[in-house]
Every structure is written in structure tokens, then in C-alpha cells.
Amino acid sequence: MNASAPLALGDQLLIPADHLTGLLRRLAAEWLQATDAGETDLDPRTVEALARALSEVADQIDVECIAFMPLRKEGRTGSRGGGPTPR
């Protein structure tokens, strides 16, 4: 995700969404790497399931943030397309 939509509770900013999704994905990747390298006694299937769950949460946050982003007027650079709107 290229945009940084804030995750907020009421009027209080908690953390930018892209920081949170990046953290979730890095954590999942590190769990998998540690398991693959034999650096943990955790059950590999359980680690894979947990890593998949974290990735799914990150994906869902991205989807919700994309839906939250305002669309720009036609003919201007859009936040979803990265370039001018085709005519």
C-alpha cells in the first residue's frame, strides 16, 4: 500500500496504517524464517498458521484503508491509479 492512512480511535491517532501492516508482515516473515532455520522449538504448522493469520489481518487493513481513501476528480492524478484517469 502506498498511502499512509491513519488508524485512529475516536480523534486520537494511534499509528499510520502502513506502519502497522509492515510490522505485521515483518513479524510473520521473521517467524517463518526462524522456523525454517530451526531456531525455535515451535511447531512449524502452528507458526505457518499464525503467520498466515497476521498476513490476512494486514491485507484486511490495507483493503479497508484503500476503501477509506477519497477518490480524486476525473482527469486528475488518482490515489488508486497512480496516474491520470484514462479518457
PDB file of N, CA and C in Angstrom:
ATOM      1  N   MET A   1       0.846  -1.164   0.000  1.00  0.00           N
ATOM      2  CA  MET A   1       0.000   0.000   0.000  1.00  0.00           C
ATOM      3  C   MET A   1       0.895   1.232   0.000  1.00  0.00           C
ATOM      4  N   ASN A   2       0.610   2.197  -0.857  1.00  0.00           N
ATOM      5  CA  ASN A   2       1.441   3.388  -0.960  1.00  0.00           C
ATOM      6  C   ASN A   2       0.963   4.521  -0.066  1.00  0.00           C
ATOM      7  N   ALA A   3      -0.331   4.568   0.217  1.00  0.00           N
ATOM      8  CA  ALA A   3      -0.875   5.642   1.035  1.00  0.00           C
ATOM      9  C   ALA A   3      -0.728   5.292   2.505  1.00  0.00           C
ATOM     10  N   SER A   4      -0.625   6.317   3.328  1.00  0.00           N
ATOM     11  CA  SER A   4      -0.496   6.104   4.755  1.00  0.00           C
ATOM     12  C   SER A   4      -1.733   6.640   5.449  1.00  0.00           C
ATOM     13  N   ALA A   5      -2.780   5.833   5.508  1.00  0.00           N
ATOM     14  CA  ALA A   5      -3.994   6.234   6.202  1.00  0.00           C
ATOM     15  C   ALA A   5      -3.801   5.984   7.686  1.00  0.00           C
ATOM     16  N   PRO A   6      -4.213   6.931   8.518  1.00  0.00           N
ATOM     17  CA  PRO A   6      -4.031   6.738   9.953  1.00  0.00           C
ATOM     18  C   PRO A   6      -5.056   5.769  10.518  1.00  0.00           C
ATOM     19  N   LEU A   7      -4.621   4.975  11.467  1.00  0.00           N
ATOM     20  CA  LEU A   7      -5.548   4.174  12.246  1.00  0.00           C
ATOM     21  C   LEU A   7      -5.826   4.989  13.500  1.00  0.00           C
ATOM     22  N   ALA A   8      -7.087   5.256  13.766  1.00  0.00           N
ATOM     23  CA  ALA A   8      -7.430   6.125  14.869  1.00  0.00           C
ATOM     24  C   ALA A   8      -8.515   5.506  15.732  1.00  0.00           C
ATOM     25  N   LEU A   9      -8.518   5.905  16.968  1.00  0.00           N
ATOM     26  CA  LEU A   9      -9.561   5.540  17.910  1.00  0.00           C
ATOM     27  C   LEU A   9     -10.191   6.844  18.342  1.00  0.00           C
ATOM     28  N   GLY A  10     -11.410   7.081  17.878  1.00  0.00           N
ATOM     29  CA  GLY A  10     -12.017   8.383  18.132  1.00  0.00           C
ATOM     30  C   GLY A  10     -11.242   9.438  17.386  1.00  0.00           C
ATOM     31  N   ASP A  11     -10.759  10.433  18.099  1.00  0.00           N
ATOM     32  CA  ASP A  11      -9.986  11.510  17.489  1.00  0.00           C
ATOM     33  C   ASP A  11      -8.489  11.347  17.710  1.00  0.00           C
ATOM     34  N   GLN A  12      -8.062  10.242  18.333  1.00  0.00           N
ATOM     35  CA  GLN A  12      -6.665  10.051  18.674  1.00  0.00           C
ATOM     36  C   GLN A  12      -5.968   9.151  17.655  1.00  0.00           C
ATOM     37  N   LEU A  13      -4.904   9.662  17.034  1.00  0.00           N
ATOM     38  CA  LEU A  13      -4.105   8.897  16.086  1.00  0.00           C
ATOM     39  C   LEU A  13      -3.295   7.864  16.846  1.00  0.00           C
ATOM     40  N   LEU A  14      -3.393   6.609  16.434  1.00  0.00           N
ATOM     41  CA  LEU A  14      -2.642   5.557  17.093  1.00  0.00           C
ATOM     42  C   LEU A  14      -1.367   5.229  16.337  1.00  0.00           C
ATOM     43  N   ILE A  15      -1.476   4.910  15.042  1.00  0.00           N
ATOM     44  CA  ILE A  15      -0.313   4.535  14.241  1.00  0.00           C
ATOM     45  C   ILE A  15      -0.713   4.607  12.766  1.00  0.00           C
ATOM     46  N   PRO A  16       0.171   5.055  11.883  1.00  0.00           N
ATOM     47  CA  PRO A  16      -0.159   5.032  10.458  1.00  0.00           C
ATOM     48  C   PRO A  16      -0.376   3.576  10.002  1.00  0.00           C
ATOM     49  N   ALA A  17      -1.374   3.360   9.196  1.00  0.00           N
ATOM     50  CA  ALA A  17      -1.756   2.013   8.772  1.00  0.00           C
ATOM     51  C   ALA A  17      -0.617   1.283   8.068  1.00  0.00           C
ATOM     52  N   ASP A  18       0.151   1.993   7.235  1.00  0.00           N
ATOM     53  CA  ASP A  18       1.233   1.305   6.524  1.00  0.00           C
ATOM     54  C   ASP A  18       2.327   0.848   7.473  1.00  0.00           C
ATOM     55  N   HIS A  19       2.510   1.549   8.588  1.00  0.00           N
ATOM     56  CA  HIS A  19       3.485   1.101   9.590  1.00  0.00           C
ATOM     57  C   HIS A  19       2.998  -0.176  10.271  1.00  0.00           C
ATOM     58  N   LEU A  20       1.706  -0.209  10.587  1.00  0.00           N
ATOM     59  CA  LEU A  20       1.151  -1.386  11.243  1.00  0.00           C
ATOM     60  C   LEU A  20       1.177  -2.605  10.322  1.00  0.00           C
ATOM     61  N   THR A  21       0.756  -2.444   9.074  1.00  0.00           N
ATOM     62  CA  THR A  21       0.741  -3.589   8.159  1.00  0.00           C
ATOM     63  C   THR A  21       2.163  -4.064   7.866  1.00  0.00           C
ATOM     64  N   GLY A  22       3.108  -3.139   7.770  1.00  0.00           N
ATOM     65  CA  GLY A  22       4.506  -3.528   7.582  1.00  0.00           C
ATOM     66  C   GLY A  22       5.025  -4.322   8.772  1.00  0.00           C
ATOM     67  N   LEU A  23       4.679  -3.876   9.966  1.00  0.00           N
ATOM     68  CA  LEU A  23       5.092  -4.581  11.174  1.00  0.00           C
ATOM     69  C   LEU A  23       4.509  -5.992  11.210  1.00  0.00           C
ATOM     70  N   LEU A  24       3.232  -6.125  10.897  1.00  0.00           N
ATOM     71  CA  LEU A  24       2.596  -7.445  10.905  1.00  0.00           C
ATOM     72  C   LEU A  24       3.256  -8.382   9.897  1.00  0.00           C
ATOM     73  N   ARG A  25       3.529  -7.874   8.702  1.00  0.00           N
ATOM     74  CA  ARG A  25       4.149  -8.713   7.671  1.00  0.00           C
ATOM     75  C   ARG A  25       5.590  -9.088   8.018  1.00  0.00           C
ATOM     76  N   ARG A  26       6.338  -8.148   8.584  1.00  0.00           N
ATOM     77  CA  ARG A  26       7.721  -8.455   9.006  1.00  0.00           C
ATOM     78  C   ARG A  26       7.742  -9.483  10.123  1.00  0.00           C
ATOM     79  N   LEU A  27       6.834  -9.353  11.070  1.00  0.00           N
ATOM     80  CA  LEU A  27       6.761 -10.305  12.167  1.00  0.00           C
ATOM     81  C   LEU A  27       6.452 -11.709  11.645  1.00  0.00           C
ATOM     82  N   ALA A  28       5.491 -11.805  10.742  1.00  0.00           N
ATOM     83  CA  ALA A  28       5.149 -13.102  10.147  1.00  0.00           C
ATOM     84  C   ALA A  28       6.347 -13.690   9.405  1.00  0.00           C
ATOM     85  N   ALA A  29       7.052 -12.859   8.642  1.00  0.00           N
ATOM     86  CA  ALA A  29       8.214 -13.337   7.881  1.00  0.00           C
ATOM     87  C   ALA A  29       9.329 -13.805   8.815  1.00  0.00           C
ATOM     88  N   GLU A  30       9.555 -13.070   9.896  1.00  0.00           N
ATOM     89  CA  GLU A  30      10.601 -13.459  10.845  1.00  0.00           C
ATOM     90  C   GLU A  30      10.253 -14.770  11.546  1.00  0.00           C
ATOM     91  N   TRP A  31       8.998 -14.975  11.880  1.00  0.00           N
ATOM     92  CA  TRP A  31       8.577 -16.252  12.473  1.00  0.00           C
ATOM     93  C   TRP A  31       8.881 -17.403  11.522  1.00  0.00           C
ATOM     94  N   LEU A  32       8.519 -17.215  10.249  1.00  0.00           N
ATOM     95  CA  LEU A  32       8.742 -18.278   9.264  1.00  0.00           C
ATOM     96  C   LEU A  32      10.234 -18.539   9.058  1.00  0.00           C
ATOM     97  N   GLN A  33      11.031 -17.480   8.997  1.00  0.00           N
ATOM     98  CA  GLN A  33      12.482 -17.645   8.820  1.00  0.00           C
ATOM     99  C   GLN A  33      13.097 -18.385  10.004  1.00  0.00           C
ATOM    100  N   ALA A  34      12.686 -18.023  11.219  1.00  0.00           N
ATOM    101  CA  ALA A  34      13.217 -18.683  12.408  1.00  0.00           C
ATOM    102  C   ALA A  34      12.832 -20.155  12.424  1.00  0.00           C
ATOM    103  N   THR A  35      11.624 -20.451  12.003  1.00  0.00           N
ATOM    104  CA  THR A  35      11.169 -21.840  11.965  1.00  0.00           C
ATOM    105  C   THR A  35      11.929 -22.620  10.898  1.00  0.00           C
ATOM    106  N   ASP A  36      12.080 -22.032   9.718  1.00  0.00           N
ATOM    107  CA  ASP A  36      12.810 -22.695   8.627  1.00  0.00           C
ATOM    108  C   ASP A  36      14.272 -22.951   8.995  1.00  0.00           C
ATOM    109  N   ALA A  37      14.864 -22.045   9.773  1.00  0.00           N
ATOM    110  CA  ALA A  37      16.269 -22.186  10.159  1.00  0.00           C
ATOM    111  C   ALA A  37      16.446 -23.075  11.385  1.00  0.00           C
ATOM    112  N   GLY A  38      15.348 -23.565  11.946  1.00  0.00           N
ATOM    113  CA  GLY A  38      15.439 -24.419  13.124  1.00  0.00           C
ATOM    114  C   GLY A  38      15.837 -23.670  14.384  1.00  0.00           C
ATOM    115  N   GLU A  39      15.560 -22.371  14.421  1.00  0.00           N
ATOM    116  CA  GLU A  39      15.947 -21.536  15.555  1.00  0.00           C
ATOM    117  C   GLU A  39      14.884 -21.478  16.649  1.00  0.00           C
ATOM    118  N   THR A  40      13.841 -22.278  16.523  1.00  0.00           N
ATOM    119  CA  THR A  40      12.761 -22.261  17.505  1.00  0.00           C
ATOM    120  C   THR A  40      12.230 -23.678  17.702  1.00  0.00           C
ATOM    121  N   ASP A  41      11.662 -23.902  18.861  1.00  0.00           N
ATOM    122  CA  ASP A  41      11.054 -25.199  19.155  1.00  0.00           C
ATOM    123  C   ASP A  41       9.566 -25.213  18.829  1.00  0.00           C
ATOM    124  N   LEU A  42       9.072 -24.142  18.253  1.00  0.00           N
ATOM    125  CA  LEU A  42       7.646 -24.053  17.949  1.00  0.00           C
ATOM    126  C   LEU A  42       7.273 -24.989  16.811  1.00  0.00           C
ATOM    127  N   ASP A  43       6.040 -25.454  16.839  1.00  0.00           N
ATOM    128  CA  ASP A  43       5.524 -26.336  15.803  1.00  0.00           C
ATOM    129  C   ASP A  43       5.439 -25.570  14.477  1.00  0.00           C
ATOM    130  N   PRO A  44       6.104 -26.050  13.427  1.00  0.00           N
ATOM    131  CA  PRO A  44       6.112 -25.334  12.143  1.00  0.00           C
ATOM    132  C   PRO A  44       4.715 -25.090  11.569  1.00  0.00           C
ATOM    133  N   ARG A  45       3.812 -26.050  11.710  1.00  0.00           N
ATOM    134  CA  ARG A  45       2.451 -25.858  11.171  1.00  0.00           C
ATOM    135  C   ARG A  45       1.718 -24.751  11.920  1.00  0.00           C
ATOM    136  N   THR A  46       1.933 -24.683  13.220  1.00  0.00           N
ATOM    137  CA  THR A  46       1.302 -23.626  14.014  1.00  0.00           C
ATOM    138  C   THR A  46       1.871 -22.265  13.631  1.00  0.00           C
ATOM    139  N   VAL A  47       3.188 -22.193  13.466  1.00  0.00           N
ATOM    140  CA  VAL A  47       3.832 -20.937  13.073  1.00  0.00           C
ATOM    141  C   VAL A  47       3.312 -20.492  11.703  1.00  0.00           C
ATOM    142  N   GLU A  48       3.194 -21.421  10.766  1.00  0.00           N
ATOM    143  CA  GLU A  48       2.671 -21.081   9.438  1.00  0.00           C
ATOM    144  C   GLU A  48       1.247 -20.547   9.527  1.00  0.00           C
ATOM    145  N   ALA A  49       0.418 -21.178  10.358  1.00  0.00           N
ATOM    146  CA  ALA A  49      -0.967 -20.725  10.512  1.00  0.00           C
ATOM    147  C   ALA A  49      -1.018 -19.325  11.134  1.00  0.00           C
ATOM    148  N   LEU A  50      -0.186 -19.092  12.135  1.00  0.00           N
ATOM    149  CA  LEU A  50      -0.147 -17.766  12.763  1.00  0.00           C
ATOM    150  C   LEU A  50       0.384 -16.709  11.804  1.00  0.00           C
ATOM    151  N   ALA A  51       1.422 -17.043  11.055  1.00  0.00           N
ATOM    152  CA  ALA A  51       1.978 -16.103  10.078  1.00  0.00           C
ATOM    153  C   ALA A  51       0.940 -15.780   9.005  1.00  0.00           C
ATOM    154  N   ARG A  52       0.213 -16.784   8.545  1.00  0.00           N
ATOM    155  CA  ARG A  52      -0.842 -16.568   7.550  1.00  0.00           C
ATOM    156  C   ARG A  52      -1.931 -15.659   8.124  1.00  0.00           C
ATOM    157  N   ALA A  53      -2.291 -15.881   9.387  1.00  0.00           N
ATOM    158  CA  ALA A  53      -3.312 -15.049  10.024  1.00  0.00           C
ATOM    159  C   ALA A  53      -2.864 -13.593  10.125  1.00  0.00           C
ATOM    160  N   LEU A  54      -1.597 -13.361  10.490  1.00  0.00           N
ATOM    161  CA  LEU A  54      -1.083 -11.993  10.549  1.00  0.00           C
ATOM    162  C   LEU A  54      -1.106 -11.335   9.180  1.00  0.00           C
ATOM    163  N   SER A  55      -0.730 -12.072   8.167  1.00  0.00           N
ATOM    164  CA  SER A  55      -0.747 -11.532   6.799  1.00  0.00           C
ATOM    165  C   SER A  55      -2.166 -11.194   6.362  1.00  0.00           C
ATOM    166  N   GLU A  56      -3.115 -12.034   6.733  1.00  0.00           N
ATOM    167  CA  GLU A  56      -4.516 -11.760   6.383  1.00  0.00           C
ATOM    168  C   GLU A  56      -5.035 -10.516   7.090  1.00  0.00           C
ATOM    169  N   VAL A  57      -4.641 -10.322   8.339  1.00  0.00           N
ATOM    170  CA  VAL A  57      -5.031  -9.103   9.056  1.00  0.00           C
ATOM    171  C   VAL A  57      -4.431  -7.883   8.356  1.00  0.00           C
ATOM    172  N   ALA A  58      -3.165  -7.968   7.971  1.00  0.00           N
ATOM    173  CA  ALA A  58      -2.516  -6.862   7.262  1.00  0.00           C
ATOM    174  C   ALA A  58      -3.226  -6.580   5.941  1.00  0.00           C
ATOM    175  N   ASP A  59      -3.586  -7.628   5.212  1.00  0.00           N
ATOM    176  CA  ASP A  59      -4.316  -7.452   3.950  1.00  0.00           C
ATOM    177  C   ASP A  59      -5.660  -6.770   4.180  1.00  0.00           C
ATOM    178  N   GLN A  60      -6.363  -7.184   5.230  1.00  0.00           N
ATOM    179  CA  GLN A  60      -7.676  -6.598   5.515  1.00  0.00           C
ATOM    180  C   GLN A  60      -7.541  -5.125   5.889  1.00  0.00           C
ATOM    181  N   ILE A  61      -6.519  -4.780   6.637  1.00  0.00           N
ATOM    182  CA  ILE A  61      -6.288  -3.371   6.974  1.00  0.00           C
ATOM    183  C   ILE A  61      -6.021  -2.578   5.699  1.00  0.00           C
ATOM    184  N   ASP A  62      -5.209  -3.125   4.787  1.00  0.00           N
ATOM    185  CA  ASP A  62      -4.952  -2.454   3.509  1.00  0.00           C
ATOM    186  C   ASP A  62      -6.244  -2.233   2.731  1.00  0.00           C
ATOM    187  N   VAL A  63      -7.079  -3.255   2.660  1.00  0.00           N
ATOM    188  CA  VAL A  63      -8.347  -3.149   1.926  1.00  0.00           C
ATOM    189  C   VAL A  63      -9.227  -2.064   2.527  1.00  0.00           C
ATOM    190  N   GLU A  64      -9.328  -2.061   3.842  1.00  0.00           N
ATOM    191  CA  GLU A  64     -10.174  -1.063   4.493  1.00  0.00           C
ATOM    192  C   GLU A  64      -9.616   0.351   4.319  1.00  0.00           C
ATOM    193  N   CYS A  65      -8.303   0.491   4.332  1.00  0.00           N
ATOM    194  CA  CYS A  65      -7.703   1.808   4.120  1.00  0.00           C
ATOM    195  C   CYS A  65      -7.878   2.280   2.689  1.00  0.00           C
ATOM    196  N   ILE A  66      -7.770   1.371   1.743  1.00  0.00           N
ATOM    197  CA  ILE A  66      -7.996   1.729   0.335  1.00  0.00           C
ATOM    198  C   ILE A  66      -9.428   2.206   0.148  1.00  0.00           C
ATOM    199  N   ALA A  67     -10.372   1.515   0.766  1.00  0.00           N
ATOM    200  CA  ALA A  67     -11.776   1.920   0.675  1.00  0.00           C
ATOM    201  C   ALA A  67     -11.998   3.273   1.345  1.00  0.00           C
ATOM    202  N   PHE A  68     -11.200   3.592   2.335  1.00  0.00           N
ATOM    203  CA  PHE A  68     -11.316   4.838   3.085  1.00  0.00           C
ATOM    204  C   PHE A  68     -10.760   6.022   2.307  1.00  0.00           C
ATOM    205  N   MET A  69      -9.789   5.760   1.412  1.00  0.00           N
ATOM    206  CA  MET A  69      -9.119   6.836   0.687  1.00  0.00           C
ATOM    207  C   MET A  69     -10.099   7.527  -0.260  1.00  0.00           C
ATOM    208  N   PRO A  70     -10.096   8.860  -0.274  1.00  0.00           N
ATOM    209  CA  PRO A  70     -11.010   9.581  -1.166  1.00  0.00           C
ATOM    210  C   PRO A  70     -10.566   9.449  -2.623  1.00  0.00           C
ATOM    211  N   LEU A  71     -11.540   9.392  -3.502  1.00  0.00           N
ATOM    212  CA  LEU A  71     -11.254   9.400  -4.938  1.00  0.00           C
ATOM    213  C   LEU A  71     -11.071  10.843  -5.378  1.00  0.00           C
ATOM    214  N   ARG A  72     -10.165  11.037  -6.318  1.00  0.00           N
ATOM    215  CA  ARG A  72      -9.965  12.386  -6.841  1.00  0.00           C
ATOM    216  C   ARG A  72     -10.834  12.574  -8.067  1.00  0.00           C
ATOM    217  N   LYS A  73     -11.069  13.830  -8.423  1.00  0.00           N
ATOM    218  CA  LYS A  73     -11.915  14.141  -9.572  1.00  0.00           C
ATOM    219  C   LYS A  73     -11.296  13.614 -10.852  1.00  0.00           C
ATOM    220  N   GLU A  74     -12.150  13.282 -11.819  1.00  0.00           N
ATOM    221  CA  GLU A  74     -11.694  12.740 -13.099  1.00  0.00           C
ATOM    222  C   GLU A  74     -10.750  13.719 -13.781  1.00  0.00           C
ATOM    223  N   GLY A  75      -9.701  13.162 -14.412  1.00  0.00           N
ATOM    224  CA  GLY A  75      -8.736  13.986 -15.124  1.00  0.00           C
ATOM    225  C   GLY A  75      -7.551  14.389 -14.271  1.00  0.00           C
ATOM    226  N   ARG A  76      -7.617  14.106 -12.983  1.00  0.00           N
ATOM    227  CA  ARG A  76      -6.512  14.412 -12.088  1.00  0.00           C
ATOM    228  C   ARG A  76      -5.873  13.105 -11.652  1.00  0.00           C
ATOM    229  N   THR A  77      -4.656  13.188 -11.136  1.00  0.00           N
ATOM    230  CA  THR A  77      -3.969  12.007 -10.658  1.00  0.00           C
ATOM    231  C   THR A  77      -4.775  11.401  -9.517  1.00  0.00           C
ATOM    232  N   GLY A  78      -5.075  10.109  -9.645  1.00  0.00           N
ATOM    233  CA  GLY A  78      -5.872   9.436  -8.621  1.00  0.00           C
ATOM    234  C   GLY A  78      -5.016   8.715  -7.616  1.00  0.00           C
ATOM    235  N   SER A  79      -5.525   8.589  -6.395  1.00  0.00           N
ATOM    236  CA  SER A  79      -4.778   7.907  -5.353  1.00  0.00           C
ATOM    237  C   SER A  79      -4.725   6.406  -5.583  1.00  0.00           C
ATOM    238  N   ARG A  80      -5.638   5.867  -6.399  1.00  0.00           N
ATOM    239  CA  ARG A  80      -5.677   4.442  -6.633  1.00  0.00           C
ATOM    240  C   ARG A  80      -4.953   4.028  -7.906  1.00  0.00           C
ATOM    241  N   GLY A  81      -4.873   4.921  -8.875  1.00  0.00           N
ATOM    242  CA  GLY A  81      -4.302   4.536 -10.159  1.00  0.00           C
ATOM    243  C   GLY A  81      -2.870   4.981 -10.363  1.00  0.00           C
ATOM    244  N   GLY A  82      -2.436   5.979  -9.643  1.00  0.00           N
ATOM    245  CA  GLY A  82      -1.067   6.425  -9.761  1.00  0.00           C
ATOM    246  C   GLY A  82      -0.798   7.303 -10.974  1.00  0.00           C
ATOM    247  N   GLY A  83      -1.809   7.604 -11.754  1.00  0.00           N
ATOM    248  CA  GLY A  83      -1.624   8.436 -12.934  1.00  0.00           C
ATOM    249  C   GLY A  83      -2.932   9.067 -13.343  1.00  0.00           C
ATOM    250  N   PRO A  84      -2.933   9.800 -14.458  1.00  0.00           N
ATOM    251  CA  PRO A  84      -4.159  10.446 -14.906  1.00  0.00           C
ATOM    252  C   PRO A  84      -5.235   9.418 -15.223  1.00  0.00           C
ATOM    253  N   THR A  85      -6.458   9.836 -15.025  1.00  0.00           N
ATOM    254  CA  THR A  85      -7.586   8.972 -15.326  1.00  0.00           C
ATOM    255  C   THR A  85      -7.725   8.832 -16.834  1.00  0.00           C
ATOM    256  N   PRO A  86      -7.811   7.585 -17.373  1.00  0.00           N
ATOM    257  CA  PRO A  86      -7.954   7.399 -18.810  1.00  0.00           C
ATOM    258  C   PRO A  86      -9.264   7.996 -19.302  1.00  0.00           C
ATOM    259  N   ARG A  87      -9.263   8.487 -20.514  1.00  0.00           N
ATOM    260  CA  ARG A  87     -10.484   9.061 -21.089  1.00  0.00           C
ATOM    261  C   ARG A  87     -11.058   8.162 -22.143  1.00  0.00           C
TER     262      ARG A  87
END
